[in-house]
Every structure is written in structure tokens, then in C-alpha cells.
């Protein structure tokens, strides 16, 4: 599978083969999938925080379920200010009530 991923990145994978692999559920960039899972985990912790506290103003040093939620939210705000936060993620945070 790693050879198939490498060929796909180089644009050398036959389109039919690529389609078949995608139908089987192949993820071409598994690191992205891991990062997305981690991000959603932290986002869900923020949802939990908001449900309990009624707001998204997480103190910088706050931990939620032993995770550094305050640091994570600060990182998201910094990424946004630098134009590096994915628009979809920004939308989720804004919809939840994060103040920028």
C-alpha cells in the first residue's frame, strides 16, 4: 500500500487502480486522518467544556480530561490570526461560540 501511495503522490498511479483502491476505503494521506481525529477529539473536549461552563473562554492552563485544552484553543486562535487555520475548522469553532 505504501508503494501505491507513493505512486499516487507522484501522479504515476493508474486512474482505474486509484479508483478501485478508493472504493475499498484507501486513505491516501493517513497522517491527515490522524491529525483530523486528534483535532476532532480536542474539539469535542471544547464542546464538553462549553456544555458545562456555558462559554468557550478556556483558560490557557486549563486541562479537560487530562488534555491541554487551553493550549490547544490558543494554538487554533494563533493559526487563525496567521491565516493557517483550515476554514472548515474555523467555522466549527466559530459556530460553537469561540471568540476571536
N, C-alpha and C. Protein backbone atom coordinates (compact mmCIF):
# COMPACT_ATOMS: atom_id res chain seq x y z
N UNK A 1 0.82 -1.19 0.00
CA UNK A 1 0.00 0.00 0.00
C UNK A 1 0.87 1.26 0.00
N UNK A 2 2.01 1.19 0.69
CA UNK A 2 2.88 2.38 0.70
C UNK A 2 3.39 2.68 -0.71
N UNK A 3 3.62 1.64 -1.51
CA UNK A 3 4.05 1.86 -2.90
C UNK A 3 2.93 2.53 -3.71
N UNK A 4 1.70 2.13 -3.44
CA UNK A 4 0.56 2.72 -4.15
C UNK A 4 0.42 4.20 -3.77
N UNK A 5 0.60 4.49 -2.47
CA UNK A 5 0.52 5.88 -2.01
C UNK A 5 1.61 6.73 -2.65
N UNK A 6 2.82 6.18 -2.71
CA UNK A 6 3.94 6.91 -3.31
C UNK A 6 3.67 7.17 -4.80
N UNK A 7 3.16 6.17 -5.50
CA UNK A 7 2.85 6.34 -6.93
C UNK A 7 1.75 7.39 -7.11
N UNK A 8 0.78 7.39 -6.22
CA UNK A 8 -0.31 8.38 -6.30
C UNK A 8 0.24 9.79 -6.09
N UNK A 9 1.12 9.96 -5.10
CA UNK A 9 1.71 11.28 -4.84
C UNK A 9 2.50 11.78 -6.04
N UNK A 10 3.14 10.87 -6.75
CA UNK A 10 3.96 11.24 -7.91
C UNK A 10 3.12 11.38 -9.18
N UNK A 11 1.84 11.06 -9.08
CA UNK A 11 0.98 11.11 -10.26
C UNK A 11 1.19 9.94 -11.20
N UNK A 12 1.74 8.85 -10.69
CA UNK A 12 2.07 7.69 -11.52
C UNK A 12 1.11 6.53 -11.35
N UNK A 13 0.07 6.71 -10.54
CA UNK A 13 -0.87 5.61 -10.30
C UNK A 13 -1.98 5.64 -11.35
N UNK A 14 -2.20 4.49 -11.96
CA UNK A 14 -3.25 4.35 -12.95
C UNK A 14 -4.59 4.79 -12.34
N UNK A 15 -5.35 5.59 -13.10
CA UNK A 15 -6.60 6.16 -12.59
C UNK A 15 -7.60 5.08 -12.17
N UNK A 16 -7.68 4.01 -12.95
CA UNK A 16 -8.60 2.92 -12.63
C UNK A 16 -8.21 2.25 -11.32
N UNK A 17 -6.91 2.03 -11.15
CA UNK A 17 -6.43 1.41 -9.91
C UNK A 17 -6.69 2.32 -8.72
N UNK A 18 -6.45 3.62 -8.92
CA UNK A 18 -6.69 4.57 -7.84
C UNK A 18 -8.17 4.56 -7.43
N UNK A 19 -9.05 4.52 -8.43
CA UNK A 19 -10.48 4.50 -8.16
C UNK A 19 -10.87 3.25 -7.39
N UNK A 20 -10.32 2.12 -7.79
CA UNK A 20 -10.64 0.85 -7.11
C UNK A 20 -10.17 0.88 -5.67
N UNK A 21 -8.97 1.40 -5.46
CA UNK A 21 -8.45 1.48 -4.10
C UNK A 21 -9.29 2.43 -3.24
N UNK A 22 -9.72 3.53 -3.82
CA UNK A 22 -10.58 4.47 -3.09
C UNK A 22 -11.91 3.84 -2.72
N UNK A 23 -12.44 3.02 -3.62
CA UNK A 23 -13.69 2.31 -3.34
C UNK A 23 -13.53 1.35 -2.17
N UNK A 24 -12.31 0.84 -1.99
CA UNK A 24 -12.01 -0.05 -0.86
C UNK A 24 -11.75 0.73 0.43
N UNK A 25 -11.69 2.05 0.33
CA UNK A 25 -11.51 2.88 1.52
C UNK A 25 -10.08 3.30 1.79
N UNK A 26 -9.22 3.21 0.79
CA UNK A 26 -7.83 3.61 0.99
C UNK A 26 -7.76 5.11 1.27
N UNK A 27 -7.02 5.46 2.29
CA UNK A 27 -6.77 6.85 2.63
C UNK A 27 -5.39 7.19 2.09
N UNK A 28 -5.32 8.14 1.18
CA UNK A 28 -4.05 8.44 0.52
C UNK A 28 -3.06 9.17 1.43
N UNK A 29 -3.54 9.83 2.42
CA UNK A 29 -2.64 10.51 3.34
C UNK A 29 -3.07 10.19 4.77
N UNK A 30 -2.61 9.06 5.31
CA UNK A 30 -3.05 8.63 6.64
C UNK A 30 -2.66 9.62 7.75
N UNK A 31 -1.60 10.39 7.55
CA UNK A 31 -1.22 11.39 8.56
C UNK A 31 -2.31 12.44 8.72
N UNK A 32 -2.95 12.81 7.62
CA UNK A 32 -4.06 13.76 7.68
C UNK A 32 -5.21 13.18 8.49
N UNK A 33 -5.48 11.91 8.29
CA UNK A 33 -6.58 11.27 9.02
C UNK A 33 -6.30 11.27 10.52
N UNK A 34 -5.07 10.99 10.89
CA UNK A 34 -4.69 11.01 12.31
C UNK A 34 -4.84 12.41 12.87
N UNK A 35 -4.33 13.41 12.13
CA UNK A 35 -4.45 14.79 12.58
C UNK A 35 -5.89 15.22 12.72
N UNK A 36 -6.74 14.80 11.79
CA UNK A 36 -8.16 15.13 11.87
C UNK A 36 -8.82 14.49 13.09
N UNK A 37 -8.46 13.26 13.38
CA UNK A 37 -9.02 12.58 14.57
C UNK A 37 -8.59 13.31 15.84
N UNK A 38 -7.32 13.69 15.90
CA UNK A 38 -6.82 14.40 17.09
C UNK A 38 -7.51 15.74 17.23
N UNK A 39 -7.69 16.46 16.11
CA UNK A 39 -8.34 17.76 16.16
C UNK A 39 -9.78 17.61 16.64
N UNK A 40 -10.49 16.64 16.09
CA UNK A 40 -11.89 16.42 16.48
C UNK A 40 -12.00 16.01 17.94
N UNK A 41 -11.03 15.27 18.44
CA UNK A 41 -11.03 14.89 19.86
C UNK A 41 -10.96 16.14 20.72
N UNK A 42 -10.04 17.05 20.39
CA UNK A 42 -9.91 18.29 21.17
C UNK A 42 -11.16 19.15 20.99
N UNK A 43 -11.69 19.21 19.80
CA UNK A 43 -12.91 19.98 19.57
C UNK A 43 -14.05 19.44 20.44
N UNK A 44 -14.17 18.13 20.51
CA UNK A 44 -15.21 17.53 21.34
C UNK A 44 -15.00 17.83 22.82
N UNK A 45 -13.75 17.94 23.25
CA UNK A 45 -13.48 18.36 24.62
C UNK A 45 -13.94 19.80 24.84
N UNK A 46 -13.76 20.63 23.82
CA UNK A 46 -14.24 22.01 23.90
C UNK A 46 -15.76 22.06 23.98
N UNK A 47 -16.43 21.21 23.23
CA UNK A 47 -17.90 21.11 23.30
C UNK A 47 -18.31 20.75 24.73
N UNK A 48 -17.62 19.78 25.31
CA UNK A 48 -17.90 19.35 26.68
C UNK A 48 -17.70 20.51 27.66
N UNK A 49 -16.61 21.25 27.47
CA UNK A 49 -16.32 22.40 28.32
C UNK A 49 -17.45 23.42 28.21
N UNK A 50 -17.88 23.71 26.99
CA UNK A 50 -18.93 24.70 26.79
C UNK A 50 -20.25 24.25 27.41
N UNK A 51 -20.58 22.98 27.27
CA UNK A 51 -21.82 22.47 27.86
C UNK A 51 -21.82 22.66 29.38
N UNK A 52 -20.67 22.49 29.99
CA UNK A 52 -20.56 22.62 31.44
C UNK A 52 -20.48 24.07 31.88
N UNK A 53 -19.67 24.88 31.17
CA UNK A 53 -19.37 26.25 31.60
C UNK A 53 -20.26 27.32 30.95
N UNK A 54 -20.86 26.99 29.81
CA UNK A 54 -21.74 27.94 29.13
C UNK A 54 -21.00 28.91 28.21
N UNK A 55 -19.71 28.71 28.00
CA UNK A 55 -18.92 29.58 27.12
C UNK A 55 -17.68 28.81 26.64
N UNK A 56 -16.95 29.43 25.71
CA UNK A 56 -15.74 28.81 25.16
C UNK A 56 -14.46 29.56 25.57
N UNK A 57 -14.53 30.34 26.62
CA UNK A 57 -13.36 31.09 27.08
C UNK A 57 -12.53 30.19 28.00
N UNK A 58 -11.77 29.33 27.40
CA UNK A 58 -10.99 28.35 28.14
C UNK A 58 -9.69 29.00 28.64
N UNK A 59 -9.44 28.95 29.94
CA UNK A 59 -8.17 29.49 30.44
C UNK A 59 -6.98 28.76 29.80
N UNK A 60 -5.93 29.49 29.56
CA UNK A 60 -4.73 28.95 28.88
C UNK A 60 -4.23 27.67 29.53
N UNK A 61 -4.27 27.58 30.83
CA UNK A 61 -3.69 26.42 31.52
C UNK A 61 -4.71 25.32 31.81
N UNK A 62 -5.94 25.48 31.34
CA UNK A 62 -7.00 24.51 31.65
C UNK A 62 -6.77 23.18 30.95
N UNK A 63 -7.01 22.11 31.71
CA UNK A 63 -6.98 20.76 31.16
C UNK A 63 -8.38 20.18 31.25
N UNK A 64 -8.77 19.48 30.21
CA UNK A 64 -10.06 18.79 30.16
C UNK A 64 -9.76 17.32 29.91
N UNK A 65 -10.19 16.46 30.81
CA UNK A 65 -9.88 15.03 30.71
C UNK A 65 -8.38 14.81 30.52
N UNK A 66 -7.59 15.56 31.25
CA UNK A 66 -6.13 15.46 31.25
C UNK A 66 -5.48 15.90 29.93
N UNK A 67 -6.22 16.61 29.09
CA UNK A 67 -5.71 17.15 27.82
C UNK A 67 -5.59 18.66 27.97
N UNK A 68 -4.56 19.24 27.40
CA UNK A 68 -4.30 20.68 27.50
C UNK A 68 -5.22 21.46 26.55
N UNK A 69 -6.47 21.59 26.95
CA UNK A 69 -7.47 22.23 26.10
C UNK A 69 -7.19 23.72 25.92
N UNK A 70 -6.76 24.41 26.96
CA UNK A 70 -6.46 25.84 26.85
C UNK A 70 -5.35 26.11 25.86
N UNK A 71 -4.30 25.32 25.92
CA UNK A 71 -3.20 25.46 24.96
C UNK A 71 -3.67 25.20 23.53
N UNK A 72 -4.47 24.16 23.37
CA UNK A 72 -4.97 23.81 22.05
C UNK A 72 -5.79 24.94 21.46
N UNK A 73 -6.70 25.51 22.26
CA UNK A 73 -7.54 26.59 21.75
C UNK A 73 -6.69 27.81 21.40
N UNK A 74 -5.70 28.09 22.22
CA UNK A 74 -4.78 29.19 21.92
C UNK A 74 -4.06 28.96 20.60
N UNK A 75 -3.64 27.72 20.37
CA UNK A 75 -2.98 27.37 19.10
C UNK A 75 -3.91 27.58 17.91
N UNK A 76 -5.20 27.26 18.08
CA UNK A 76 -6.17 27.45 17.00
C UNK A 76 -6.32 28.93 16.68
N UNK A 77 -6.38 29.75 17.73
CA UNK A 77 -6.53 31.19 17.54
C UNK A 77 -5.29 31.78 16.86
N UNK A 78 -4.12 31.30 17.25
CA UNK A 78 -2.88 31.77 16.61
C UNK A 78 -2.85 31.37 15.14
N UNK A 79 -3.22 30.13 14.85
CA UNK A 79 -3.25 29.66 13.46
C UNK A 79 -4.21 30.51 12.65
N UNK A 80 -5.36 30.84 13.23
CA UNK A 80 -6.33 31.69 12.53
C UNK A 80 -5.75 33.07 12.25
N UNK A 81 -5.09 33.65 13.22
CA UNK A 81 -4.54 35.00 13.04
C UNK A 81 -3.43 35.03 11.98
N UNK A 82 -2.79 33.88 11.77
CA UNK A 82 -1.75 33.79 10.74
C UNK A 82 -2.30 33.30 9.40
N UNK A 83 -3.61 33.09 9.34
CA UNK A 83 -4.23 32.60 8.11
C UNK A 83 -3.96 31.14 7.82
N UNK A 84 -3.63 30.38 8.87
CA UNK A 84 -3.26 28.97 8.67
C UNK A 84 -4.28 27.98 9.21
N UNK A 85 -5.39 28.48 9.73
CA UNK A 85 -6.42 27.59 10.25
C UNK A 85 -7.36 27.22 9.11
N UNK A 86 -7.57 25.93 8.95
CA UNK A 86 -8.48 25.43 7.91
C UNK A 86 -9.84 26.12 8.06
N UNK A 87 -10.41 26.62 6.96
CA UNK A 87 -11.69 27.32 7.03
C UNK A 87 -12.82 26.49 7.65
N UNK A 88 -12.83 25.20 7.39
CA UNK A 88 -13.86 24.34 7.96
C UNK A 88 -13.72 24.27 9.48
N UNK A 89 -12.49 24.17 9.94
CA UNK A 89 -12.25 24.14 11.38
C UNK A 89 -12.63 25.48 12.01
N UNK A 90 -12.27 26.55 11.34
CA UNK A 90 -12.65 27.89 11.82
C UNK A 90 -14.17 27.99 11.97
N UNK A 91 -14.88 27.50 10.97
CA UNK A 91 -16.33 27.54 11.00
C UNK A 91 -16.91 26.76 12.18
N UNK A 92 -16.35 25.59 12.45
CA UNK A 92 -16.82 24.79 13.57
C UNK A 92 -16.61 25.53 14.89
N UNK A 93 -15.42 26.11 15.03
CA UNK A 93 -15.11 26.82 16.27
C UNK A 93 -15.99 28.05 16.43
N UNK A 94 -16.18 28.79 15.35
CA UNK A 94 -17.00 30.00 15.40
C UNK A 94 -18.45 29.64 15.73
N UNK A 95 -18.96 28.60 15.08
CA UNK A 95 -20.33 28.16 15.32
C UNK A 95 -20.53 27.74 16.78
N UNK A 96 -19.50 27.16 17.37
CA UNK A 96 -19.58 26.73 18.76
C UNK A 96 -19.59 27.93 19.71
N UNK A 97 -19.02 29.05 19.24
CA UNK A 97 -19.03 30.24 20.08
C UNK A 97 -17.66 30.73 20.50
N UNK A 98 -16.61 30.25 19.85
CA UNK A 98 -15.26 30.73 20.16
C UNK A 98 -15.16 32.20 19.77
N UNK A 99 -14.63 32.99 20.68
CA UNK A 99 -14.45 34.42 20.43
C UNK A 99 -13.05 34.63 19.88
N UNK A 100 -12.95 35.35 18.79
CA UNK A 100 -11.66 35.56 18.14
C UNK A 100 -11.14 36.92 18.51
